[in-house]
Amino acid sequence: MQSPLLIGIAGGTGSGKTTVAKRLQETLGDAVALIDHDSYYLDQSTLPAEERKLVNYDHPDTLDNELLLSHLVTLKQGSPIKKPLYDFKTHTRTSDTFEIAPAPVIIVEGILTLAQPKLRAVMDLKVFVDTAADIRLMRRIRRDLEQRGRSFESIRAQYYETVRPMHNAFVEPSKEHADMILPEGGRNEIAISVLVGMIRNHVSQR
């Protein structure tokens, strides 16, 4: 198999980057292997439960980027990987893994995907999903309430203490490394169509 096309999709929390990645996977089918950067959070099981809540999970240092990099290289070489699975309610890595087979297109998405020079170096196409801050905030609140069992007070405190400062320090600046900026995420049908066309063209020429 030829070396796959590796795409990085980044953007602020709630920007719609996951929706974009899944739309591409649905459109391109088995040609796409999808990896979420969030699965590579470092295991915090050595810390007491209360201390885990105080960790700044929006900082690049809380992600196991070396493991992700090695997995991306492995996939590009044509071998499968075992992606870790992360429990966001306990801030720990589970004992289970999820096997991902190599595919013609590999997509990795996450808020800090383009903020890591080593990760960018192995990417063929870099996309930044750009969505207004108020829309992103409302989406994050809904996700954390419904999917991660958190209180509104804890979500609000985290947003002002770490989410917004880290977005300004790391996520927003990473936009300058993007080959394509996609406004409004998965709702931008024209941009999605253009991106699908670009991917199909790249794959056909490899």
N, C-alpha and C. Protein backbone atom coordinates (compact mmCIF):
# COMPACT_ATOMS: atom_id res chain seq x y z
N MET A 1 0.84 -1.20 0.00
CA MET A 1 0.00 0.00 0.00
C MET A 1 0.87 1.24 0.00
N GLN A 2 0.48 2.22 -0.80
CA GLN A 2 1.21 3.48 -0.83
C GLN A 2 1.08 4.19 0.50
N SER A 3 2.03 5.08 0.77
CA SER A 3 1.97 5.85 2.01
C SER A 3 0.67 6.64 2.07
N PRO A 4 -0.08 6.55 3.18
CA PRO A 4 -1.38 7.22 3.26
C PRO A 4 -1.26 8.74 3.36
N LEU A 5 -2.37 9.40 3.08
CA LEU A 5 -2.47 10.85 3.24
C LEU A 5 -2.83 11.13 4.69
N LEU A 6 -2.00 11.87 5.40
CA LEU A 6 -2.24 12.17 6.81
C LEU A 6 -2.73 13.60 6.96
N ILE A 7 -3.94 13.73 7.53
CA ILE A 7 -4.58 15.04 7.67
C ILE A 7 -4.74 15.38 9.15
N GLY A 8 -4.33 16.57 9.54
CA GLY A 8 -4.55 17.06 10.89
C GLY A 8 -5.67 18.09 10.89
N ILE A 9 -6.63 17.92 11.79
CA ILE A 9 -7.74 18.87 11.90
C ILE A 9 -7.75 19.44 13.31
N ALA A 10 -7.58 20.75 13.42
CA ALA A 10 -7.55 21.41 14.73
C ALA A 10 -8.61 22.51 14.77
N GLY A 11 -8.71 23.15 15.93
CA GLY A 11 -9.69 24.21 16.14
C GLY A 11 -10.02 24.27 17.62
N GLY A 12 -10.62 25.36 18.04
CA GLY A 12 -10.95 25.51 19.45
C GLY A 12 -11.99 24.52 19.93
N THR A 13 -12.12 24.40 21.24
CA THR A 13 -13.13 23.52 21.81
C THR A 13 -14.52 23.90 21.30
N GLY A 14 -15.28 22.91 20.83
CA GLY A 14 -16.61 23.18 20.32
C GLY A 14 -16.65 23.81 18.95
N SER A 15 -15.54 23.83 18.24
CA SER A 15 -15.50 24.49 16.93
C SER A 15 -16.19 23.67 15.84
N GLY A 16 -16.32 22.37 16.07
CA GLY A 16 -16.91 21.50 15.05
C GLY A 16 -15.89 20.65 14.33
N LYS A 17 -14.66 20.60 14.86
CA LYS A 17 -13.61 19.82 14.19
C LYS A 17 -13.93 18.32 14.17
N THR A 18 -14.52 17.82 15.26
CA THR A 18 -14.89 16.40 15.29
C THR A 18 -15.98 16.12 14.26
N THR A 19 -16.93 17.04 14.13
CA THR A 19 -17.99 16.90 13.13
C THR A 19 -17.41 16.87 11.73
N VAL A 20 -16.44 17.74 11.46
CA VAL A 20 -15.79 17.77 10.15
C VAL A 20 -15.10 16.44 9.89
N ALA A 21 -14.34 15.95 10.87
CA ALA A 21 -13.61 14.69 10.71
C ALA A 21 -14.57 13.54 10.43
N LYS A 22 -15.68 13.49 11.16
CA LYS A 22 -16.65 12.40 10.97
C LYS A 22 -17.38 12.53 9.64
N ARG A 23 -17.63 13.76 9.21
CA ARG A 23 -18.27 13.96 7.90
C ARG A 23 -17.36 13.43 6.79
N LEU A 24 -16.06 13.68 6.92
CA LEU A 24 -15.12 13.19 5.93
C LEU A 24 -15.08 11.66 5.94
N GLN A 25 -15.10 11.09 7.15
CA GLN A 25 -15.08 9.64 7.26
C GLN A 25 -16.34 9.02 6.66
N GLU A 26 -17.48 9.63 6.93
CA GLU A 26 -18.75 9.12 6.37
C GLU A 26 -18.77 9.22 4.85
N THR A 27 -18.21 10.30 4.33
CA THR A 27 -18.22 10.51 2.88
C THR A 27 -17.25 9.60 2.16
N LEU A 28 -16.06 9.44 2.75
CA LEU A 28 -15.00 8.67 2.08
C LEU A 28 -14.98 7.20 2.50
N GLY A 29 -15.76 6.85 3.52
CA GLY A 29 -15.93 5.46 3.91
C GLY A 29 -14.67 4.79 4.45
N ASP A 30 -14.45 3.55 4.01
CA ASP A 30 -13.34 2.75 4.52
C ASP A 30 -11.97 3.30 4.15
N ALA A 31 -11.95 4.31 3.31
CA ALA A 31 -10.67 4.92 2.93
C ALA A 31 -10.07 5.72 4.07
N VAL A 32 -10.87 5.99 5.13
CA VAL A 32 -10.44 6.87 6.21
C VAL A 32 -10.30 6.13 7.54
N ALA A 33 -9.17 6.36 8.21
CA ALA A 33 -8.96 5.94 9.60
C ALA A 33 -8.96 7.20 10.44
N LEU A 34 -9.81 7.26 11.46
CA LEU A 34 -9.98 8.47 12.26
C LEU A 34 -9.41 8.28 13.66
N ILE A 35 -8.59 9.24 14.08
CA ILE A 35 -7.98 9.21 15.42
C ILE A 35 -8.29 10.51 16.13
N ASP A 36 -8.80 10.42 17.35
CA ASP A 36 -9.05 11.61 18.16
C ASP A 36 -7.86 11.84 19.10
N HIS A 37 -7.33 13.03 19.08
CA HIS A 37 -6.19 13.40 19.92
C HIS A 37 -6.52 13.24 21.40
N ASP A 38 -7.79 13.43 21.77
CA ASP A 38 -8.21 13.34 23.17
C ASP A 38 -7.94 11.97 23.78
N SER A 39 -7.90 10.94 22.97
CA SER A 39 -7.64 9.60 23.49
C SER A 39 -6.23 9.47 24.05
N TYR A 40 -5.37 10.42 23.72
CA TYR A 40 -3.97 10.34 24.12
C TYR A 40 -3.64 11.21 25.34
N TYR A 41 -4.66 11.59 26.11
CA TYR A 41 -4.36 12.27 27.37
C TYR A 41 -3.56 11.34 28.27
N LEU A 42 -2.63 11.92 28.99
CA LEU A 42 -1.82 11.13 29.93
C LEU A 42 -2.67 10.62 31.07
N ASP A 43 -2.38 9.42 31.51
CA ASP A 43 -3.12 8.80 32.61
C ASP A 43 -2.81 9.55 33.92
N GLN A 44 -3.87 9.92 34.65
CA GLN A 44 -3.70 10.67 35.90
C GLN A 44 -4.04 9.81 37.13
N SER A 45 -4.01 8.50 36.97
CA SER A 45 -4.42 7.61 38.06
C SER A 45 -3.50 7.67 39.28
N THR A 46 -2.29 8.19 39.11
CA THR A 46 -1.38 8.29 40.26
C THR A 46 -1.74 9.44 41.18
N LEU A 47 -2.61 10.34 40.71
CA LEU A 47 -3.04 11.47 41.54
C LEU A 47 -4.34 11.16 42.26
N PRO A 48 -4.52 11.72 43.46
CA PRO A 48 -5.82 11.59 44.14
C PRO A 48 -6.92 12.19 43.27
N ALA A 49 -8.13 11.69 43.42
CA ALA A 49 -9.24 12.11 42.57
C ALA A 49 -9.44 13.61 42.56
N GLU A 50 -9.33 14.26 43.70
CA GLU A 50 -9.54 15.71 43.77
C GLU A 50 -8.45 16.48 43.06
N GLU A 51 -7.22 15.96 43.10
CA GLU A 51 -6.11 16.64 42.43
C GLU A 51 -6.22 16.52 40.91
N ARG A 52 -6.81 15.44 40.44
CA ARG A 52 -6.96 15.26 38.99
C ARG A 52 -7.80 16.37 38.39
N LYS A 53 -8.77 16.86 39.16
CA LYS A 53 -9.66 17.90 38.67
C LYS A 53 -8.93 19.23 38.49
N LEU A 54 -7.77 19.37 39.14
CA LEU A 54 -7.03 20.63 39.10
C LEU A 54 -6.02 20.69 37.96
N VAL A 55 -5.82 19.56 37.27
CA VAL A 55 -4.86 19.52 36.17
C VAL A 55 -5.37 20.36 35.00
N ASN A 56 -4.46 21.08 34.36
CA ASN A 56 -4.81 21.90 33.20
C ASN A 56 -4.82 21.03 31.95
N TYR A 57 -5.99 20.48 31.62
CA TYR A 57 -6.11 19.56 30.50
C TYR A 57 -6.11 20.26 29.14
N ASP A 58 -6.03 21.57 29.13
CA ASP A 58 -5.98 22.30 27.87
C ASP A 58 -4.54 22.68 27.50
N HIS A 59 -3.58 22.21 28.30
CA HIS A 59 -2.16 22.47 28.02
C HIS A 59 -1.57 21.30 27.24
N PRO A 60 -0.71 21.56 26.27
CA PRO A 60 -0.11 20.48 25.46
C PRO A 60 0.59 19.40 26.28
N ASP A 61 1.12 19.76 27.45
CA ASP A 61 1.88 18.79 28.24
C ASP A 61 1.02 17.69 28.85
N THR A 62 -0.30 17.82 28.81
CA THR A 62 -1.16 16.78 29.37
C THR A 62 -1.48 15.69 28.34
N LEU A 63 -0.93 15.82 27.14
CA LEU A 63 -1.16 14.85 26.07
C LEU A 63 0.09 14.04 25.78
N ASP A 64 -0.09 12.76 25.52
CA ASP A 64 1.03 11.87 25.20
C ASP A 64 1.32 11.98 23.70
N ASN A 65 1.95 13.07 23.33
CA ASN A 65 2.18 13.34 21.91
C ASN A 65 3.23 12.42 21.30
N GLU A 66 4.14 11.93 22.12
CA GLU A 66 5.16 11.00 21.61
C GLU A 66 4.51 9.68 21.19
N LEU A 67 3.55 9.20 22.00
CA LEU A 67 2.84 7.97 21.64
C LEU A 67 2.02 8.18 20.37
N LEU A 68 1.32 9.31 20.28
CA LEU A 68 0.54 9.59 19.08
C LEU A 68 1.44 9.66 17.86
N LEU A 69 2.57 10.34 17.99
CA LEU A 69 3.50 10.45 16.86
C LEU A 69 3.96 9.07 16.40
N SER A 70 4.31 8.22 17.35
CA SER A 70 4.76 6.87 16.99
C SER A 70 3.64 6.09 16.31
N HIS A 71 2.40 6.29 16.75
CA HIS A 71 1.27 5.61 16.13
C HIS A 71 1.03 6.11 14.71
N LEU A 72 1.16 7.40 14.50
CA LEU A 72 0.97 7.95 13.15
C LEU A 72 2.04 7.43 12.19
N VAL A 73 3.28 7.35 12.68
CA VAL A 73 4.36 6.82 11.85
C VAL A 73 4.10 5.35 11.52
N THR A 74 3.63 4.60 12.52
CA THR A 74 3.32 3.19 12.31
C THR A 74 2.24 3.00 11.26
N LEU A 75 1.19 3.81 11.33
CA LEU A 75 0.11 3.73 10.34
C LEU A 75 0.60 4.10 8.95
N LYS A 76 1.44 5.12 8.88
CA LYS A 76 1.97 5.54 7.58
C LYS A 76 2.86 4.45 6.98
N GLN A 77 3.42 3.62 7.83
CA GLN A 77 4.27 2.52 7.36
C GLN A 77 3.46 1.28 7.00
N GLY A 78 2.13 1.37 7.24
CA GLY A 78 1.26 0.27 6.82
C GLY A 78 0.93 -0.75 7.88
N SER A 79 1.17 -0.43 9.15
CA SER A 79 0.88 -1.38 10.23
C SER A 79 -0.21 -0.82 11.14
N PRO A 80 -1.01 -1.70 11.77
CA PRO A 80 -2.08 -1.24 12.66
C PRO A 80 -1.55 -0.74 14.00
N ILE A 81 -2.38 -0.01 14.72
CA ILE A 81 -2.03 0.48 16.06
C ILE A 81 -3.13 0.12 17.04
N LYS A 82 -2.82 0.22 18.31
CA LYS A 82 -3.82 0.05 19.37
C LYS A 82 -3.96 1.41 20.08
N LYS A 83 -5.00 2.13 19.70
CA LYS A 83 -5.24 3.46 20.27
C LYS A 83 -5.71 3.33 21.71
N PRO A 84 -5.14 4.14 22.63
CA PRO A 84 -5.62 4.10 24.02
C PRO A 84 -7.04 4.65 24.13
N LEU A 85 -7.72 4.27 25.18
CA LEU A 85 -9.06 4.78 25.47
C LEU A 85 -9.02 5.52 26.80
N TYR A 86 -9.63 6.70 26.84
CA TYR A 86 -9.53 7.58 28.00
C TYR A 86 -10.89 7.80 28.63
N ASP A 87 -10.93 7.76 29.96
CA ASP A 87 -12.17 7.99 30.71
C ASP A 87 -12.13 9.43 31.24
N PHE A 88 -12.96 10.31 30.67
CA PHE A 88 -12.92 11.72 31.05
C PHE A 88 -13.58 12.00 32.39
N LYS A 89 -14.35 11.07 32.88
CA LYS A 89 -14.99 11.27 34.19
C LYS A 89 -14.00 11.02 35.32
N THR A 90 -13.06 10.10 35.09
CA THR A 90 -12.06 9.79 36.13
C THR A 90 -10.67 10.31 35.78
N HIS A 91 -10.51 10.83 34.57
CA HIS A 91 -9.22 11.34 34.07
C HIS A 91 -8.15 10.26 34.10
N THR A 92 -8.54 9.06 33.68
CA THR A 92 -7.60 7.94 33.63
C THR A 92 -7.73 7.20 32.31
N ARG A 93 -6.66 6.52 31.96
CA ARG A 93 -6.67 5.68 30.78
C ARG A 93 -7.25 4.31 31.17
N THR A 94 -8.13 3.80 30.35
CA THR A 94 -8.71 2.49 30.66
C THR A 94 -7.73 1.39 30.27
N SER A 95 -8.04 0.18 30.66
CA SER A 95 -7.17 -0.95 30.33
C SER A 95 -7.43 -1.44 28.90
N ASP A 96 -8.50 -0.96 28.28
CA ASP A 96 -8.83 -1.37 26.92
C ASP A 96 -8.14 -0.49 25.89
N THR A 97 -8.02 -1.00 24.69
CA THR A 97 -7.49 -0.24 23.55
C THR A 97 -8.41 -0.49 22.35
N PHE A 98 -8.23 0.33 21.32
CA PHE A 98 -9.03 0.18 20.10
C PHE A 98 -8.09 0.08 18.92
N GLU A 99 -8.19 -1.03 18.20
CA GLU A 99 -7.28 -1.23 17.08
C GLU A 99 -7.73 -0.43 15.86
N ILE A 100 -6.78 0.27 15.26
CA ILE A 100 -7.02 1.02 14.04
C ILE A 100 -6.10 0.50 12.96
N ALA A 101 -6.70 0.08 11.86
CA ALA A 101 -5.92 -0.45 10.74
C ALA A 101 -5.47 0.68 9.82
N PRO A 102 -4.37 0.49 9.12
CA PRO A 102 -3.94 1.52 8.16
C PRO A 102 -4.97 1.70 7.06
N ALA A 103 -5.03 2.90 6.52
CA ALA A 103 -6.00 3.23 5.47
C ALA A 103 -5.37 4.27 4.54
N PRO A 104 -5.94 4.46 3.36
CA PRO A 104 -5.39 5.45 2.42
C PRO A 104 -5.37 6.87 2.98
N VAL A 105 -6.33 7.18 3.89
CA VAL A 105 -6.40 8.50 4.51
C VAL A 105 -6.45 8.34 6.03
N ILE A 106 -5.59 9.03 6.73
CA ILE A 106 -5.58 9.03 8.19
C ILE A 106 -5.88 10.44 8.66
N ILE A 107 -6.91 10.58 9.48
CA ILE A 107 -7.28 11.89 10.03
C ILE A 107 -7.07 11.88 11.53
N VAL A 108 -6.35 12.86 12.04
CA VAL A 108 -6.20 13.04 13.48
C VAL A 108 -6.75 14.41 13.84
N GLU A 109 -7.67 14.45 14.81
CA GLU A 109 -8.31 15.72 15.15
C GLU A 109 -8.22 16.00 16.64
N GLY A 110 -8.09 17.29 16.99
CA GLY A 110 -8.02 17.72 18.38
C GLY A 110 -7.66 19.18 18.46
N ILE A 111 -7.92 19.79 19.61
CA ILE A 111 -7.69 21.23 19.72
C ILE A 111 -6.22 21.60 19.53
N LEU A 112 -5.31 20.70 19.92
CA LEU A 112 -3.89 21.02 19.90
C LEU A 112 -3.13 20.26 18.81
N THR A 113 -3.85 19.68 17.87
CA THR A 113 -3.22 18.87 16.84
C THR A 113 -2.19 19.64 16.03
N LEU A 114 -2.45 20.91 15.75
CA LEU A 114 -1.51 21.70 14.95
C LEU A 114 -0.55 22.51 15.81
N ALA A 115 -0.65 22.36 17.13
CA ALA A 115 0.23 23.11 18.02
C ALA A 115 1.53 22.37 18.31
N GLN A 116 1.65 21.15 17.79
CA GLN A 116 2.83 20.32 18.04
C GLN A 116 3.70 20.23 16.79
N PRO A 117 4.90 20.80 16.82
CA PRO A 117 5.76 20.78 15.62
C PRO A 117 6.05 19.37 15.10
N LYS A 118 6.28 18.41 15.99
CA LYS A 118 6.59 17.05 15.55
C LYS A 118 5.40 16.40 14.84
N LEU A 119 4.19 16.70 15.32
CA LEU A 119 3.00 16.16 14.68
C LEU A 119 2.80 16.81 13.31
N ARG A 120 2.96 18.13 13.27
CA ARG A 120 2.80 18.84 11.99
C ARG A 120 3.77 18.31 10.94
N ALA A 121 4.95 17.91 11.39
CA ALA A 121 5.99 17.49 10.45
C ALA A 121 5.60 16.24 9.66
N VAL A 122 4.73 15.40 10.20
CA VAL A 122 4.35 14.18 9.50
C VAL A 122 3.01 14.32 8.77
N MET A 123 2.40 15.51 8.86
CA MET A 123 1.10 15.73 8.22
C MET A 123 1.25 16.22 6.79
N ASP A 124 0.36 15.73 5.93
CA ASP A 124 0.36 16.15 4.53
C ASP A 124 -0.59 17.31 4.29
N LEU A 125 -1.64 17.40 5.11
CA LEU A 125 -2.64 18.46 4.96
C LEU A 125 -3.10 18.89 6.34
N LYS A 126 -3.06 20.19 6.61
CA LYS A 126 -3.41 20.72 7.94
C LYS A 126 -4.61 21.65 7.81
N VAL A 127 -5.66 21.36 8.59
CA VAL A 127 -6.92 22.09 8.52
C VAL A 127 -7.24 22.69 9.89
N PHE A 128 -7.68 23.95 9.89
CA PHE A 128 -8.10 24.61 11.13
C PHE A 128 -9.57 24.99 10.99
N VAL A 129 -10.40 24.50 11.91
CA VAL A 129 -11.82 24.81 11.91
C VAL A 129 -12.03 26.06 12.77
N ASP A 130 -12.50 27.13 12.16
CA ASP A 130 -12.58 28.44 12.81
C ASP A 130 -14.05 28.81 13.08
N THR A 131 -14.43 28.83 14.36
CA THR A 131 -15.82 29.11 14.75
C THR A 131 -15.84 30.15 15.86
N ALA A 132 -16.84 31.01 15.86
CA ALA A 132 -16.95 32.09 16.85
C ALA A 132 -16.91 31.56 18.28
N ALA A 133 -16.31 32.34 19.17
CA ALA A 133 -16.10 31.90 20.55
C ALA A 133 -17.40 31.61 21.29
N ASP A 134 -18.44 32.42 21.08
CA ASP A 134 -19.69 32.20 21.82
C ASP A 134 -20.35 30.89 21.41
N ILE A 135 -20.28 30.55 20.15
CA ILE A 135 -20.84 29.29 19.68
C ILE A 135 -20.05 28.12 20.25
N ARG A 136 -18.73 28.24 20.25
CA ARG A 136 -17.88 27.18 20.79
C ARG A 136 -18.17 26.94 22.27
N LEU A 137 -18.34 28.02 23.02
CA LEU A 137 -18.59 27.90 24.45
C LEU A 137 -19.90 27.18 24.72
N MET A 138 -20.95 27.53 24.02
CA MET A 138 -22.23 26.88 24.24
C MET A 138 -22.16 25.39 23.90
N ARG A 139 -21.44 25.04 22.86
CA ARG A 139 -21.29 23.64 22.51
C ARG A 139 -20.52 22.88 23.58
N ARG A 140 -19.48 23.52 24.13
CA ARG A 140 -18.70 22.85 25.17
C ARG A 140 -19.53 22.62 26.43
N ILE A 141 -20.30 23.63 26.81
CA ILE A 141 -21.15 23.49 28.00
C ILE A 141 -22.11 22.32 27.83
N ARG A 142 -22.75 22.23 26.68
CA ARG A 142 -23.69 21.14 26.44
C ARG A 142 -22.99 19.78 26.47
N ARG A 143 -21.82 19.69 25.84
CA ARG A 143 -21.09 18.42 25.82
C ARG A 143 -20.69 17.98 27.21
N ASP A 144 -20.12 18.90 28.00
CA ASP A 144 -19.64 18.53 29.33
C ASP A 144 -20.79 18.19 30.28
N LEU A 145 -21.92 18.86 30.12
CA LEU A 145 -23.08 18.54 30.95
C LEU A 145 -23.65 17.18 30.59
N GLU A 146 -23.82 16.92 29.30
CA GLU A 146 -24.51 15.72 28.84
C GLU A 146 -23.63 14.49 28.77
N GLN A 147 -22.35 14.67 28.39
CA GLN A 147 -21.50 13.51 28.13
C GLN A 147 -20.47 13.23 29.21
N ARG A 148 -20.10 14.24 29.98
CA ARG A 148 -19.00 14.05 30.94
C ARG A 148 -19.43 14.24 32.39
N GLY A 149 -20.75 14.40 32.61
CA GLY A 149 -21.28 14.43 33.96
C GLY A 149 -20.77 15.55 34.84
N ARG A 150 -20.49 16.70 34.26
CA ARG A 150 -19.93 17.80 35.03
C ARG A 150 -20.99 18.84 35.36
N SER A 151 -20.73 19.62 36.40
CA SER A 151 -21.66 20.67 36.79
C SER A 151 -21.37 21.95 36.00
N PHE A 152 -22.38 22.81 35.89
CA PHE A 152 -22.19 24.07 35.17
C PHE A 152 -21.11 24.91 35.85
N GLU A 153 -21.08 24.91 37.18
CA GLU A 153 -20.10 25.71 37.92
C GLU A 153 -18.67 25.28 37.58
N SER A 154 -18.44 23.96 37.50
CA SER A 154 -17.09 23.48 37.21
C SER A 154 -16.70 23.79 35.76
N ILE A 155 -17.68 23.73 34.86
CA ILE A 155 -17.41 24.05 33.45
C ILE A 155 -17.05 25.52 33.31
N ARG A 156 -17.80 26.39 33.99
CA ARG A 156 -17.54 27.82 33.92
C ARG A 156 -16.17 28.16 34.49
N ALA A 157 -15.84 27.56 35.64
CA ALA A 157 -14.55 27.84 36.28
C ALA A 157 -13.40 27.39 35.38
N GLN A 158 -13.53 26.20 34.80
CA GLN A 158 -12.47 25.69 33.94
C GLN A 158 -12.30 26.55 32.69
N TYR A 159 -13.41 27.05 32.16
CA TYR A 159 -13.33 27.86 30.94
C TYR A 159 -12.49 29.11 31.18
N TYR A 160 -12.74 29.81 32.28
CA TYR A 160 -12.02 31.05 32.55
C TYR A 160 -10.60 30.81 33.06
N GLU A 161 -10.39 29.69 33.76
CA GLU A 161 -9.07 29.44 34.34
C GLU A 161 -8.09 28.82 33.36
N THR A 162 -8.57 27.92 32.49
CA THR A 162 -7.64 27.23 31.60
C THR A 162 -8.06 27.22 30.13
N VAL A 163 -9.34 26.99 29.84
CA VAL A 163 -9.75 26.80 28.44
C VAL A 163 -9.46 28.04 27.60
N ARG A 164 -9.96 29.19 28.04
CA ARG A 164 -9.76 30.40 27.25
C ARG A 164 -8.29 30.83 27.21
N PRO A 165 -7.56 30.84 28.36
CA PRO A 165 -6.14 31.21 28.29
C PRO A 165 -5.32 30.29 27.39
N MET A 166 -5.59 28.97 27.47
CA MET A 166 -4.82 28.03 26.65
C MET A 166 -5.20 28.13 25.17
N HIS A 167 -6.46 28.46 24.90
CA HIS A 167 -6.86 28.69 23.51
C HIS A 167 -6.06 29.85 22.93
N ASN A 168 -5.97 30.93 23.70
CA ASN A 168 -5.25 32.11 23.22
C ASN A 168 -3.74 31.86 23.10
N ALA A 169 -3.22 31.00 23.99
CA ALA A 169 -1.78 30.75 24.01
C ALA A 169 -1.33 29.72 22.99
N PHE A 170 -2.15 28.70 22.75
CA PHE A 170 -1.70 27.58 21.91
C PHE A 170 -2.59 27.28 20.70
N VAL A 171 -3.91 27.26 20.90
CA VAL A 171 -4.81 26.83 19.82
C VAL A 171 -4.90 27.88 18.72
N GLU A 172 -5.25 29.09 19.08
CA GLU A 172 -5.41 30.15 18.07
C GLU A 172 -4.12 30.39 17.28
N PRO A 173 -2.94 30.45 17.95
CA PRO A 173 -1.71 30.65 17.18
C PRO A 173 -1.41 29.52 16.20
N SER A 174 -1.92 28.31 16.48
CA SER A 174 -1.64 27.18 15.59
C SER A 174 -2.33 27.33 14.25
N LYS A 175 -3.28 28.25 14.17
CA LYS A 175 -4.01 28.48 12.91
C LYS A 175 -3.07 28.89 11.79
N GLU A 176 -1.98 29.56 12.14
CA GLU A 176 -1.06 30.04 11.11
C GLU A 176 -0.36 28.90 10.38
N HIS A 177 -0.40 27.70 10.96
CA HIS A 177 0.24 26.55 10.31
C HIS A 177 -0.71 25.80 9.39
N ALA A 178 -1.98 26.20 9.35
CA ALA A 178 -2.98 25.48 8.55
C ALA A 178 -2.81 25.74 7.06
N ASP A 179 -3.04 24.70 6.28
CA ASP A 179 -3.07 24.84 4.82
C ASP A 179 -4.45 25.31 4.38
N MET A 180 -5.46 25.03 5.23
CA MET A 180 -6.84 25.40 4.89
C MET A 180 -7.57 25.79 6.17
N ILE A 181 -8.24 26.93 6.15
CA ILE A 181 -9.05 27.38 7.28
C ILE A 181 -10.52 27.20 6.90
N LEU A 182 -11.25 26.45 7.74
CA LEU A 182 -12.62 26.09 7.43
C LEU A 182 -13.56 26.78 8.41
N PRO A 183 -14.29 27.81 8.00
CA PRO A 183 -15.20 28.52 8.90
C PRO A 183 -16.44 27.69 9.24
N GLU A 184 -16.87 27.78 10.49
CA GLU A 184 -18.15 27.21 10.95
C GLU A 184 -18.25 25.69 10.88
N GLY A 185 -17.14 25.00 10.82
CA GLY A 185 -17.14 23.55 10.98
C GLY A 185 -17.99 22.77 10.01
N GLY A 186 -18.65 21.72 10.56
CA GLY A 186 -19.39 20.77 9.73
C GLY A 186 -20.61 21.34 9.05
N ARG A 187 -21.02 22.56 9.40
CA ARG A 187 -22.18 23.17 8.76
C ARG A 187 -21.82 23.89 7.46
N ASN A 188 -20.54 23.99 7.19
CA ASN A 188 -20.09 24.66 5.97
C ASN A 188 -20.01 23.63 4.84
N GLU A 189 -21.14 23.42 4.16
CA GLU A 189 -21.23 22.37 3.16
C GLU A 189 -20.28 22.60 1.98
N ILE A 190 -20.11 23.84 1.60
CA ILE A 190 -19.22 24.14 0.47
C ILE A 190 -17.78 23.78 0.83
N ALA A 191 -17.35 24.19 2.01
CA ALA A 191 -15.98 23.90 2.43
C ALA A 191 -15.75 22.40 2.58
N ILE A 192 -16.75 21.68 3.10
CA ILE A 192 -16.62 20.23 3.23
C ILE A 192 -16.45 19.59 1.85
N SER A 193 -17.25 20.06 0.89
CA SER A 193 -17.18 19.51 -0.47
C SER A 193 -15.81 19.78 -1.10
N VAL A 194 -15.29 20.99 -0.88
CA VAL A 194 -13.97 21.34 -1.40
C VAL A 194 -12.91 20.45 -0.77
N LEU A 195 -13.01 20.24 0.53
CA LEU A 195 -12.03 19.43 1.24
C LEU A 195 -12.08 17.98 0.77
N VAL A 196 -13.29 17.44 0.57
CA VAL A 196 -13.42 16.07 0.07
C VAL A 196 -12.78 15.95 -1.31
N GLY A 197 -13.03 16.95 -2.16
CA GLY A 197 -12.43 16.94 -3.48
C GLY A 197 -10.91 16.98 -3.44
N MET A 198 -10.37 17.80 -2.53
CA MET A 198 -8.92 17.89 -2.39
C MET A 198 -8.34 16.55 -1.94
N ILE A 199 -9.02 15.90 -0.99
CA ILE A 199 -8.53 14.62 -0.47
C ILE A 199 -8.55 13.56 -1.57
N ARG A 200 -9.65 13.49 -2.30
CA ARG A 200 -9.75 12.50 -3.38
C ARG A 200 -8.69 12.75 -4.44
N ASN A 201 -8.41 14.00 -4.72
CA ASN A 201 -7.39 14.33 -5.71
C ASN A 201 -6.00 13.92 -5.23
N HIS A 202 -5.72 14.21 -3.94
CA HIS A 202 -4.42 13.84 -3.36
C HIS A 202 -4.24 12.33 -3.39
N VAL A 203 -5.29 11.59 -2.96
CA VAL A 203 -5.20 10.14 -2.88
C VAL A 203 -4.99 9.53 -4.26
N SER A 204 -5.68 10.07 -5.26
CA SER A 204 -5.56 9.52 -6.62
C SER A 204 -4.17 9.71 -7.21
N GLN A 205 -3.44 10.71 -6.70
CA GLN A 205 -2.10 11.00 -7.24
C GLN A 205 -0.99 10.33 -6.46
N ARG A 206 -1.32 9.64 -5.38
CA ARG A 206 -0.29 9.02 -4.55
C ARG A 206 0.10 7.64 -5.08
